Amino acid sequence: MKILYALCAAVACALFLTVMAPAQTPAPAPALSVYTPPDKLTGTPPSEIDLLWPQGAPGALGTAETDKPKILVYLPKENTTHMGILVAPGGSYMHLSMQKEGADIAHWLNDHGIAAFVLQYRLGPQYHHPIEIGDAQRALRLVRSRSAEFGITKLGMWGFSAGGHLAATAGTEFDAGDPASSDPIARQSSRPDFLVLSYPVITMTQPYAHPGSKKSLLGDDPDPALIDATSPEMHVTAQTPPTFLYATTTDQTVPVLNTVMFYEALIKAGVPAEMHIFAEGPHGTNLGQAFPALKVWPGMLWTWLQAR
């Protein structure tokens, strides 16, 4: 284990590694659509779509769909696992991969008896931190407030790429809820019970930060203190949830050491963690269907989830 990790930390991961809201300044809308209506998504449509704040989201800059964070609810025929997962699609905090890293993932989860909740969170350049993490925390509280209805006893979060950064942030920046709030949703905890991070963006520090995600989330010239505050590898504690990580060494978009540094922080904090780094594969491999060597990784995840 120590030998494998040392090789990985030295950027020699050519092996298959297995180790068991403040005021906002309005800006032009992003060129890419951030939401695909359910009737345009392939596969079984969501059973419902719920606004995180039906009366309007805090810090909203307008009333367009992009100003209304929401969850798309996908329920299995039977929740045999009593588990739910909030899914955060990637897209550099500029757009959202609502099919490949949203609906497709929800269908896979449903096939395994897991309830899925795909998060449409607000994005840059219109919105910057902490709007995005606020949306994720609200979504976790909302699902947890309806856990009995959904048949859930454990609620995790699964993030892809920039969505992985959002999930990692949710796993390092959470609270137990406000018991005095008149809002029953706000009384719920925002801590995920576990995390799944697929080829995640993690750090906002150089030299391994993903430039597009950093600019979209933090703006053009963020303060160094903000950069550190939004680098979740710096904020892992013993209370960070157990985590499963997946990435590829040859990812040319998000350096694989993002995954490694979060794993290292988890191990140092004594948090249960499992990491699978494959030798080859581009960024955005989803469930690995198009890559023969990567098709096995969802099975590894399923084994890990069953242990939760």
Protein backbone atom coordinates (compact mmCIF):
# COMPACT_ATOMS: atom_id res chain seq x y z
CA MET A 1 0.00 0.00 0.00
CA LYS A 2 2.71 2.53 1.01
CA ILE A 3 4.75 1.69 -2.11
CA LEU A 4 1.78 2.13 -4.43
CA TYR A 5 0.81 5.44 -2.84
CA ALA A 6 4.38 6.76 -3.01
CA LEU A 7 4.47 5.99 -6.72
CA CYS A 8 1.15 7.76 -7.23
CA ALA A 9 2.20 10.83 -5.25
CA ALA A 10 5.31 11.04 -7.43
CA VAL A 11 3.11 11.21 -10.53
CA ALA A 12 4.18 7.72 -11.63
CA CYS A 13 0.63 6.39 -11.67
CA ALA A 14 1.03 4.46 -14.92
CA LEU A 15 -0.29 1.47 -13.06
CA PHE A 16 -3.80 0.33 -12.30
CA LEU A 17 -3.91 1.43 -8.71
CA THR A 18 -6.43 -0.02 -6.29
CA VAL A 19 -6.33 1.17 -2.71
CA MET A 20 -8.93 -0.27 -0.54
CA ALA A 21 -24.97 34.31 -0.03
CA PRO A 22 -23.18 37.41 -0.39
CA ALA A 23 -24.32 39.98 -2.98
CA GLN A 24 -23.63 38.85 -6.50
CA THR A 25 -22.72 40.97 -9.52
CA PRO A 26 -24.94 40.14 -12.51
CA ALA A 27 -23.04 38.78 -15.50
CA PRO A 28 -24.03 37.53 -18.94
CA ALA A 29 -25.67 34.12 -18.98
CA PRO A 30 -23.36 31.23 -19.92
CA ALA A 31 -23.40 30.26 -23.57
CA LEU A 32 -24.11 26.61 -22.81
CA SER A 33 -27.47 25.44 -21.55
CA VAL A 34 -27.34 24.29 -17.94
CA TYR A 35 -30.57 22.32 -17.99
CA THR A 36 -32.06 19.78 -20.33
CA PRO A 37 -35.81 19.33 -19.86
CA PRO A 38 -36.73 15.83 -18.70
CA ASP A 39 -38.49 15.01 -21.97
CA LYS A 40 -35.16 15.48 -23.75
CA LEU A 41 -33.28 13.13 -21.42
CA THR A 42 -33.12 9.52 -22.56
CA GLY A 43 -34.36 6.73 -20.33
CA THR A 44 -37.05 6.81 -17.67
CA PRO A 45 -37.90 10.43 -16.78
CA PRO A 46 -37.69 11.68 -13.20
CA SER A 47 -40.73 11.07 -11.04
CA GLU A 48 -40.71 14.67 -9.88
CA ILE A 49 -38.71 17.88 -10.06
CA ASP A 50 -38.47 19.91 -6.86
CA LEU A 51 -37.25 23.48 -6.47
CA LEU A 52 -34.86 23.80 -3.55
CA TRP A 53 -36.54 27.07 -2.58
CA PRO A 54 -40.07 27.27 -4.08
CA GLN A 55 -40.38 30.92 -3.06
CA GLY A 56 -37.09 31.87 -4.73
CA ALA A 57 -33.49 30.93 -4.01
CA PRO A 58 -31.32 33.16 -1.80
CA GLY A 59 -29.08 35.38 -3.89
CA ALA A 60 -31.05 34.71 -7.11
CA LEU A 61 -30.25 37.19 -9.88
CA GLY A 62 -33.36 36.53 -11.91
CA THR A 63 -36.25 34.17 -12.53
CA ALA A 64 -34.89 32.05 -15.39
CA GLU A 65 -34.51 28.29 -15.01
CA THR A 66 -30.80 28.86 -14.36
CA ASP A 67 -31.73 30.94 -11.29
CA LYS A 68 -33.85 28.14 -9.79
CA PRO A 69 -31.77 25.33 -8.30
CA LYS A 70 -33.66 22.05 -8.16
CA ILE A 71 -33.42 18.30 -7.84
CA LEU A 72 -34.68 15.73 -10.34
CA VAL A 73 -35.97 12.77 -8.36
CA TYR A 74 -35.48 9.24 -9.70
CA LEU A 75 -36.94 6.50 -7.53
CA PRO A 76 -36.30 2.78 -8.02
CA LYS A 77 -39.17 0.32 -8.18
CA GLU A 78 -38.03 -0.81 -4.75
CA ASN A 79 -35.40 0.84 -2.58
CA THR A 80 -33.79 -2.40 -1.46
CA THR A 81 -30.73 -0.60 -0.08
CA HIS A 82 -32.64 2.10 1.89
CA MET A 83 -30.09 4.45 0.39
CA GLY A 84 -30.28 7.72 -1.50
CA ILE A 85 -27.58 9.56 -3.43
CA LEU A 86 -27.49 13.21 -4.46
CA VAL A 87 -25.78 13.37 -7.87
CA ALA A 88 -23.79 16.48 -8.87
CA PRO A 89 -23.02 16.51 -12.61
CA GLY A 90 -19.80 18.09 -13.82
CA GLY A 91 -19.19 20.87 -16.31
CA SER A 92 -16.48 23.21 -14.98
CA TYR A 93 -19.05 25.14 -12.94
CA MET A 94 -20.10 26.59 -16.32
CA HIS A 95 -22.60 24.01 -17.58
CA LEU A 96 -24.00 20.69 -16.39
CA SER A 97 -23.67 17.23 -17.96
CA MET A 98 -27.27 16.40 -17.11
CA GLN A 99 -27.42 13.25 -19.26
CA LYS A 100 -24.07 11.44 -18.91
CA GLU A 101 -23.40 12.51 -15.34
CA GLY A 102 -27.00 12.97 -14.27
CA ALA A 103 -29.81 10.90 -15.77
CA ASP A 104 -27.52 8.02 -16.78
CA ILE A 105 -26.17 7.81 -13.24
CA ALA A 106 -29.66 7.99 -11.75
CA HIS A 107 -30.77 5.05 -13.90
CA TRP A 108 -27.73 3.02 -12.83
CA LEU A 109 -28.48 3.77 -9.19
CA ASN A 110 -32.14 2.86 -9.62
CA ASP A 111 -31.14 -0.43 -11.21
CA HIS A 112 -29.23 -1.16 -7.99
CA GLY A 113 -32.14 -0.28 -5.72
CA ILE A 114 -30.91 3.20 -4.80
CA ALA A 115 -32.92 6.43 -4.93
CA ALA A 116 -31.22 9.15 -6.99
CA PHE A 117 -31.55 12.92 -6.82
CA VAL A 118 -29.84 14.81 -9.65
CA LEU A 119 -28.87 18.32 -8.61
CA GLN A 120 -29.20 21.29 -10.93
CA TYR A 121 -27.12 23.87 -9.09
CA ARG A 122 -26.42 27.46 -10.06
CA LEU A 123 -23.30 28.20 -12.09
CA GLY A 124 -20.70 30.75 -13.12
CA PRO A 125 -20.16 33.26 -14.49
CA GLN A 126 -23.45 34.44 -13.01
CA TYR A 127 -22.92 32.83 -9.62
CA HIS A 128 -19.79 32.32 -7.56
CA HIS A 129 -18.95 30.65 -4.26
CA PRO A 130 -20.73 30.21 -1.84
CA ILE A 131 -23.89 29.97 -3.97
CA GLU A 132 -23.02 26.52 -5.34
CA ILE A 133 -22.28 24.90 -1.99
CA GLY A 134 -25.39 26.56 -0.59
CA ASP A 135 -27.45 24.83 -3.29
CA ALA A 136 -25.84 21.47 -2.51
CA GLN A 137 -26.39 21.83 1.22
CA ARG A 138 -30.02 22.78 0.69
CA ALA A 139 -30.53 19.74 -1.56
CA LEU A 140 -29.09 17.42 1.09
CA ARG A 141 -31.36 18.93 3.72
CA LEU A 142 -34.39 18.70 1.43
CA VAL A 143 -33.89 15.02 0.63
CA ARG A 144 -33.17 14.22 4.27
CA SER A 145 -36.37 15.99 5.34
CA ARG A 146 -38.28 13.51 3.15
CA SER A 147 -36.19 10.45 4.00
CA ALA A 148 -39.12 8.46 5.38
CA GLU A 149 -41.13 9.14 2.23
CA PHE A 150 -38.23 8.03 0.02
CA GLY A 151 -37.39 5.02 2.20
CA ILE A 152 -33.89 6.32 2.93
CA THR A 153 -31.79 5.68 6.01
CA LYS A 154 -28.49 6.84 4.49
CA LEU A 155 -27.89 9.72 2.09
CA GLY A 156 -24.64 10.10 0.16
CA MET A 157 -23.39 12.45 -2.54
CA TRP A 158 -21.75 11.53 -5.85
CA GLY A 159 -19.94 14.18 -7.85
CA PHE A 160 -18.24 14.19 -11.26
CA SER A 161 -15.40 16.54 -12.20
CA ALA A 162 -16.46 19.99 -10.92
CA GLY A 163 -19.42 18.23 -9.33
CA GLY A 164 -16.80 16.19 -7.50
CA HIS A 165 -15.41 19.42 -6.09
CA LEU A 166 -18.91 20.36 -4.97
CA ALA A 167 -19.38 16.95 -3.31
CA ALA A 168 -15.97 17.13 -1.62
CA THR A 169 -16.83 20.61 -0.36
CA ALA A 170 -20.14 19.31 0.99
CA GLY A 171 -18.18 16.61 2.79
CA THR A 172 -15.86 19.11 4.46
CA GLU A 173 -18.23 22.05 4.99
CA PHE A 174 -21.45 21.01 6.71
CA ASP A 175 -23.53 21.56 9.83
CA ALA A 176 -26.16 19.74 11.86
CA GLY A 177 -28.95 22.11 10.87
CA ASP A 178 -30.74 24.83 12.82
CA PRO A 179 -33.09 23.21 15.35
CA ALA A 180 -34.71 26.58 16.07
CA SER A 181 -35.64 27.27 12.44
CA SER A 182 -39.31 27.51 11.45
CA ASP A 183 -38.33 25.82 8.18
CA PRO A 184 -38.34 22.02 8.66
CA ILE A 185 -35.81 21.64 5.83
CA ALA A 186 -33.34 24.01 7.50
CA ARG A 187 -33.50 21.89 10.65
CA GLN A 188 -31.85 18.98 8.81
CA SER A 189 -28.14 18.13 8.68
CA SER A 190 -26.24 18.95 5.49
CA ARG A 191 -23.58 16.27 6.07
CA PRO A 192 -23.54 13.49 3.46
CA ASP A 193 -23.25 10.01 4.99
CA PHE A 194 -20.68 9.07 2.32
CA LEU A 195 -19.06 10.49 -0.82
CA VAL A 196 -18.33 9.14 -4.29
CA LEU A 197 -15.90 11.27 -6.32
CA SER A 198 -15.40 10.51 -10.01
CA TYR A 199 -12.37 12.18 -11.66
CA PRO A 200 -12.97 15.12 -9.32
CA VAL A 201 -11.70 18.65 -9.33
CA ILE A 202 -10.42 19.10 -5.78
CA THR A 203 -7.86 21.83 -5.22
CA MET A 204 -8.06 25.47 -6.27
CA THR A 205 -4.33 25.89 -5.66
CA GLN A 206 -1.53 25.73 -8.21
CA PRO A 207 -0.23 23.76 -10.00
CA TYR A 208 -3.08 21.24 -10.01
CA ALA A 209 -6.18 23.48 -10.06
CA HIS A 210 -8.48 23.12 -13.05
CA PRO A 211 -8.45 26.65 -14.54
CA GLY A 212 -11.98 26.63 -15.95
CA SER A 213 -13.62 25.42 -12.74
CA LYS A 214 -11.59 27.85 -10.66
CA LYS A 215 -12.52 30.85 -12.79
CA SER A 216 -16.21 29.91 -12.93
CA LEU A 217 -16.45 29.33 -9.19
CA LEU A 218 -14.20 32.10 -7.85
CA GLY A 219 -13.94 34.72 -10.60
CA ASP A 220 -10.91 36.13 -12.36
CA ASP A 221 -8.67 37.15 -9.45
CA PRO A 222 -9.72 35.40 -6.24
CA ASP A 223 -8.18 36.27 -2.91
CA PRO A 224 -5.62 33.68 -1.71
CA ALA A 225 -7.71 33.10 1.42
CA LEU A 226 -10.72 32.23 -0.77
CA ILE A 227 -8.60 29.84 -2.81
CA ASP A 228 -7.58 28.01 0.34
CA ALA A 229 -11.13 28.05 1.71
CA THR A 230 -12.45 26.35 -1.45
CA SER A 231 -9.73 23.68 -1.61
CA PRO A 232 -11.42 20.82 0.28
CA GLU A 233 -8.24 18.78 0.68
CA MET A 234 -7.23 21.43 3.24
CA HIS A 235 -10.38 20.93 5.31
CA VAL A 236 -10.69 17.19 5.74
CA THR A 237 -11.29 16.12 9.35
CA ALA A 238 -12.22 12.91 11.12
CA GLN A 239 -15.87 13.92 10.54
CA THR A 240 -15.50 13.91 6.74
CA PRO A 241 -17.65 11.06 5.37
CA PRO A 242 -16.20 7.76 4.09
CA THR A 243 -15.21 8.27 0.45
CA PHE A 244 -14.81 6.27 -2.75
CA LEU A 245 -12.59 7.84 -5.43
CA TYR A 246 -12.16 6.95 -9.11
CA ALA A 247 -9.87 8.54 -11.72
CA THR A 248 -7.46 7.81 -14.57
CA THR A 249 -3.76 8.63 -14.73
CA THR A 250 -3.88 10.00 -18.28
CA ASP A 251 -6.69 12.48 -17.59
CA GLN A 252 -5.45 15.57 -19.44
CA THR A 253 -8.23 17.86 -18.16
CA VAL A 254 -8.14 17.48 -14.38
CA PRO A 255 -4.77 16.26 -13.07
CA VAL A 256 -5.08 12.91 -11.30
CA LEU A 257 -3.24 14.32 -8.30
CA ASN A 258 -6.48 16.11 -7.40
CA THR A 259 -7.86 12.68 -6.54
CA VAL A 260 -4.65 11.60 -4.82
CA MET A 261 -4.37 14.66 -2.57
CA PHE A 262 -7.93 14.23 -1.30
CA TYR A 263 -7.26 10.54 -0.62
CA GLU A 264 -4.08 11.47 1.24
CA ALA A 265 -5.99 13.98 3.39
CA LEU A 266 -8.65 11.36 4.17
CA ILE A 267 -6.07 8.80 5.26
CA LYS A 268 -4.23 11.32 7.45
CA ALA A 269 -7.55 12.19 9.13
CA GLY A 270 -8.43 8.53 9.69
CA VAL A 271 -11.44 8.59 7.34
CA PRO A 272 -12.29 5.28 5.62
CA ALA A 273 -11.41 5.67 1.94
CA GLU A 274 -11.04 3.57 -1.18
CA MET A 275 -9.33 4.82 -4.34
CA HIS A 276 -9.16 3.27 -7.81
CA ILE A 277 -6.85 4.90 -10.34
CA PHE A 278 -6.64 3.30 -13.76
CA ALA A 279 -3.63 3.66 -16.04
CA GLU A 280 -5.41 5.05 -19.10
CA GLY A 281 -8.57 6.94 -19.88
CA PRO A 282 -9.58 10.51 -20.74
CA HIS A 283 -11.55 12.89 -18.59
CA GLY A 284 -15.29 12.35 -18.39
CA THR A 285 -15.41 8.56 -18.67
CA ASN A 286 -18.75 8.37 -16.84
CA LEU A 287 -19.41 4.69 -15.99
CA GLY A 288 -16.68 3.52 -18.35
CA GLN A 289 -19.03 1.96 -20.93
CA ALA A 290 -16.94 3.14 -23.90
CA PHE A 291 -13.64 1.95 -22.41
CA PRO A 292 -13.13 -1.82 -22.00
CA ALA A 293 -10.53 -1.44 -19.26
CA LEU A 294 -12.77 0.89 -17.25
CA LYS A 295 -16.05 -1.04 -17.38
CA VAL A 296 -15.14 -2.80 -14.16
CA TRP A 297 -15.07 0.27 -11.95
CA PRO A 298 -18.86 0.58 -11.35
CA GLY A 299 -18.80 -2.97 -9.99
CA MET A 300 -16.10 -1.91 -7.54
CA LEU A 301 -18.28 1.00 -6.49
CA TRP A 302 -21.30 -1.26 -6.03
CA THR A 303 -19.29 -3.56 -3.77
CA TRP A 304 -18.21 -0.53 -1.72
CA LEU A 305 -21.76 0.85 -1.52
CA GLN A 306 -23.10 -2.47 -0.27
CA ALA A 307 -20.70 -2.21 2.67
CA ARG A 308 -22.13 1.16 3.61
